[in-house]
Amino acid sequence: MFGEVVRGVRKGHAWTQEDLAERAGLTTTYVGQVERGDKVPSLTVVLKLALALELTPSDMLQSFSLTELRETFR
């Protein structure tokens, strides 16, 4: 779910994964893993991504409903 948000915002900026990785100080491989949901980013990585994407962390998490979260983490 989080990766979909990252991918959507990144594409909205017309950036490649490499562009985002460079701006966030991460590797391209790691950005791809986050976008696919293969990696769960730490809070530090969420903050780096938010700053790179010119968002607040809360903006990135805003689309998650309580119902979705409960179903995902049962």
N, C-alpha and C. Protein backbone atom coordinates (compact mmCIF):
# COMPACT_ATOMS: atom_id res chain seq x y z
N MET A 1 0.82 -1.19 0.00
CA MET A 1 0.00 0.00 0.00
C MET A 1 0.87 1.26 0.00
N PHE A 2 1.85 1.30 0.89
CA PHE A 2 2.73 2.47 0.97
C PHE A 2 3.52 2.64 -0.33
N GLY A 3 3.98 1.54 -0.87
CA GLY A 3 4.75 1.59 -2.11
C GLY A 3 3.96 2.16 -3.26
N GLU A 4 2.66 1.88 -3.29
CA GLU A 4 1.81 2.43 -4.34
C GLU A 4 1.74 3.95 -4.24
N VAL A 5 1.71 4.46 -3.02
CA VAL A 5 1.70 5.91 -2.81
C VAL A 5 3.01 6.51 -3.31
N VAL A 6 4.12 5.89 -2.92
CA VAL A 6 5.43 6.38 -3.34
C VAL A 6 5.51 6.39 -4.87
N ARG A 7 5.12 5.29 -5.50
CA ARG A 7 5.18 5.20 -6.96
C ARG A 7 4.30 6.27 -7.62
N GLY A 8 3.10 6.45 -7.10
CA GLY A 8 2.18 7.42 -7.69
C GLY A 8 2.70 8.85 -7.61
N VAL A 9 3.25 9.21 -6.46
CA VAL A 9 3.78 10.57 -6.30
C VAL A 9 5.03 10.73 -7.16
N ARG A 10 5.88 9.71 -7.16
CA ARG A 10 7.10 9.78 -7.98
C ARG A 10 6.74 9.99 -9.45
N LYS A 11 5.79 9.22 -9.94
CA LYS A 11 5.39 9.35 -11.34
C LYS A 11 4.72 10.70 -11.59
N GLY A 12 4.03 11.23 -10.59
CA GLY A 12 3.44 12.56 -10.71
C GLY A 12 4.48 13.63 -10.92
N HIS A 13 5.67 13.41 -10.37
CA HIS A 13 6.79 14.33 -10.58
C HIS A 13 7.53 14.02 -11.88
N ALA A 14 7.13 12.95 -12.56
CA ALA A 14 7.80 12.47 -13.78
C ALA A 14 9.26 12.10 -13.51
N TRP A 15 9.48 11.49 -12.35
CA TRP A 15 10.81 11.03 -11.95
C TRP A 15 10.94 9.54 -12.16
N THR A 16 12.14 9.10 -12.43
CA THR A 16 12.45 7.67 -12.45
C THR A 16 12.74 7.23 -11.01
N GLN A 17 12.83 5.92 -10.83
CA GLN A 17 13.22 5.42 -9.50
C GLN A 17 14.62 5.92 -9.17
N GLU A 18 15.46 6.02 -10.17
CA GLU A 18 16.81 6.53 -9.95
C GLU A 18 16.79 7.98 -9.48
N ASP A 19 15.92 8.80 -10.07
CA ASP A 19 15.79 10.20 -9.64
C ASP A 19 15.39 10.27 -8.17
N LEU A 20 14.38 9.50 -7.79
CA LEU A 20 13.92 9.51 -6.41
C LEU A 20 15.00 9.00 -5.47
N ALA A 21 15.66 7.93 -5.85
CA ALA A 21 16.71 7.36 -5.01
C ALA A 21 17.80 8.39 -4.74
N GLU A 22 18.20 9.09 -5.77
CA GLU A 22 19.24 10.12 -5.62
C GLU A 22 18.77 11.23 -4.69
N ARG A 23 17.55 11.69 -4.86
CA ARG A 23 17.03 12.77 -4.02
C ARG A 23 16.87 12.34 -2.56
N ALA A 24 16.57 11.06 -2.35
CA ALA A 24 16.32 10.57 -1.00
C ALA A 24 17.57 9.97 -0.34
N GLY A 25 18.65 9.82 -1.09
CA GLY A 25 19.85 9.22 -0.52
C GLY A 25 19.71 7.72 -0.33
N LEU A 26 18.97 7.09 -1.22
CA LEU A 26 18.74 5.64 -1.16
C LEU A 26 19.24 5.02 -2.45
N THR A 27 19.25 3.69 -2.50
CA THR A 27 19.62 3.04 -3.75
C THR A 27 18.37 2.85 -4.60
N THR A 28 18.58 2.77 -5.90
CA THR A 28 17.48 2.53 -6.82
C THR A 28 16.82 1.19 -6.52
N THR A 29 17.62 0.20 -6.20
CA THR A 29 17.10 -1.12 -5.87
C THR A 29 16.15 -1.04 -4.67
N TYR A 30 16.56 -0.29 -3.65
CA TYR A 30 15.73 -0.18 -2.45
C TYR A 30 14.42 0.54 -2.75
N VAL A 31 14.47 1.60 -3.54
CA VAL A 31 13.24 2.32 -3.91
C VAL A 31 12.29 1.36 -4.64
N GLY A 32 12.83 0.57 -5.55
CA GLY A 32 12.01 -0.40 -6.26
C GLY A 32 11.38 -1.42 -5.33
N GLN A 33 12.15 -1.87 -4.35
CA GLN A 33 11.63 -2.84 -3.38
C GLN A 33 10.52 -2.24 -2.52
N VAL A 34 10.67 -0.98 -2.15
CA VAL A 34 9.62 -0.30 -1.38
C VAL A 34 8.36 -0.16 -2.23
N GLU A 35 8.53 0.27 -3.48
CA GLU A 35 7.37 0.46 -4.36
C GLU A 35 6.62 -0.85 -4.61
N ARG A 36 7.34 -1.96 -4.70
CA ARG A 36 6.70 -3.26 -4.92
C ARG A 36 6.14 -3.87 -3.64
N GLY A 37 6.50 -3.30 -2.51
CA GLY A 37 6.05 -3.85 -1.24
C GLY A 37 6.92 -4.98 -0.73
N ASP A 38 8.12 -5.13 -1.32
CA ASP A 38 9.05 -6.17 -0.88
C ASP A 38 9.78 -5.77 0.39
N LYS A 39 9.89 -4.49 0.63
CA LYS A 39 10.56 -3.96 1.83
C LYS A 39 9.61 -3.05 2.57
N VAL A 40 9.64 -3.14 3.88
CA VAL A 40 8.89 -2.22 4.73
C VAL A 40 9.90 -1.18 5.23
N PRO A 41 9.72 0.06 4.81
CA PRO A 41 10.72 1.07 5.16
C PRO A 41 10.66 1.45 6.63
N SER A 42 11.82 1.77 7.16
CA SER A 42 11.89 2.28 8.53
C SER A 42 11.35 3.70 8.54
N LEU A 43 11.14 4.23 9.72
CA LEU A 43 10.67 5.61 9.84
C LEU A 43 11.67 6.57 9.20
N THR A 44 12.94 6.30 9.35
CA THR A 44 13.96 7.15 8.74
C THR A 44 13.81 7.18 7.23
N VAL A 45 13.55 6.03 6.63
CA VAL A 45 13.38 5.96 5.18
C VAL A 45 12.10 6.66 4.76
N VAL A 46 11.03 6.50 5.54
CA VAL A 46 9.78 7.21 5.24
C VAL A 46 10.04 8.71 5.23
N LEU A 47 10.79 9.19 6.20
CA LEU A 47 11.11 10.62 6.27
C LEU A 47 11.95 11.06 5.07
N LYS A 48 12.94 10.26 4.69
CA LYS A 48 13.77 10.59 3.52
C LYS A 48 12.92 10.65 2.25
N LEU A 49 12.03 9.67 2.08
CA LEU A 49 11.17 9.64 0.91
C LEU A 49 10.22 10.84 0.90
N ALA A 50 9.65 11.14 2.05
CA ALA A 50 8.72 12.28 2.14
C ALA A 50 9.42 13.58 1.75
N LEU A 51 10.60 13.80 2.29
CA LEU A 51 11.34 15.02 1.96
C LEU A 51 11.68 15.06 0.47
N ALA A 52 12.11 13.94 -0.07
CA ALA A 52 12.47 13.88 -1.48
C ALA A 52 11.26 14.14 -2.37
N LEU A 53 10.09 13.61 -1.95
CA LEU A 53 8.87 13.76 -2.74
C LEU A 53 8.14 15.07 -2.45
N GLU A 54 8.72 15.88 -1.55
CA GLU A 54 8.17 17.19 -1.20
C GLU A 54 6.80 17.06 -0.54
N LEU A 55 6.69 16.09 0.37
CA LEU A 55 5.47 15.84 1.13
C LEU A 55 5.81 15.75 2.61
N THR A 56 4.79 15.81 3.43
CA THR A 56 4.98 15.46 4.84
C THR A 56 4.72 13.96 4.97
N PRO A 57 5.28 13.33 5.98
CA PRO A 57 4.99 11.90 6.17
C PRO A 57 3.49 11.64 6.32
N SER A 58 2.80 12.55 6.97
CA SER A 58 1.35 12.35 7.15
C SER A 58 0.62 12.39 5.81
N ASP A 59 1.09 13.22 4.88
CA ASP A 59 0.50 13.23 3.54
C ASP A 59 0.63 11.86 2.88
N MET A 60 1.76 11.21 3.10
CA MET A 60 2.01 9.92 2.47
C MET A 60 1.14 8.82 3.07
N LEU A 61 0.73 9.00 4.32
CA LEU A 61 -0.05 7.97 5.00
C LEU A 61 -1.54 8.28 5.03
N GLN A 62 -1.91 9.44 4.53
CA GLN A 62 -3.29 9.92 4.60
C GLN A 62 -4.29 8.99 3.93
N SER A 63 -3.88 8.30 2.89
CA SER A 63 -4.80 7.47 2.12
C SER A 63 -5.14 6.15 2.81
N PHE A 64 -4.49 5.83 3.92
CA PHE A 64 -4.74 4.57 4.61
C PHE A 64 -5.92 4.72 5.56
N SER A 65 -6.95 3.92 5.34
CA SER A 65 -8.10 3.96 6.24
C SER A 65 -7.87 2.98 7.39
N LEU A 66 -8.53 3.21 8.49
CA LEU A 66 -8.41 2.33 9.64
C LEU A 66 -8.87 0.92 9.28
N THR A 67 -9.91 0.80 8.49
CA THR A 67 -10.41 -0.51 8.07
C THR A 67 -9.36 -1.26 7.27
N GLU A 68 -8.73 -0.57 6.31
CA GLU A 68 -7.67 -1.22 5.50
C GLU A 68 -6.51 -1.69 6.37
N LEU A 69 -6.12 -0.86 7.31
CA LEU A 69 -5.02 -1.23 8.18
C LEU A 69 -5.36 -2.43 9.04
N ARG A 70 -6.56 -2.47 9.58
CA ARG A 70 -6.97 -3.62 10.40
C ARG A 70 -6.97 -4.91 9.58
N GLU A 71 -7.47 -4.83 8.35
CA GLU A 71 -7.53 -6.01 7.48
C GLU A 71 -6.14 -6.46 7.08
N THR A 72 -5.25 -5.51 6.85
CA THR A 72 -3.90 -5.84 6.42
C THR A 72 -3.09 -6.50 7.54
N PHE A 73 -3.28 -6.04 8.76
CA PHE A 73 -2.44 -6.50 9.86
C PHE A 73 -3.14 -7.44 10.83
N ARG A 74 -4.10 -8.16 10.35
CA ARG A 74 -4.76 -9.18 11.20
C ARG A 74 -3.89 -10.38 11.35
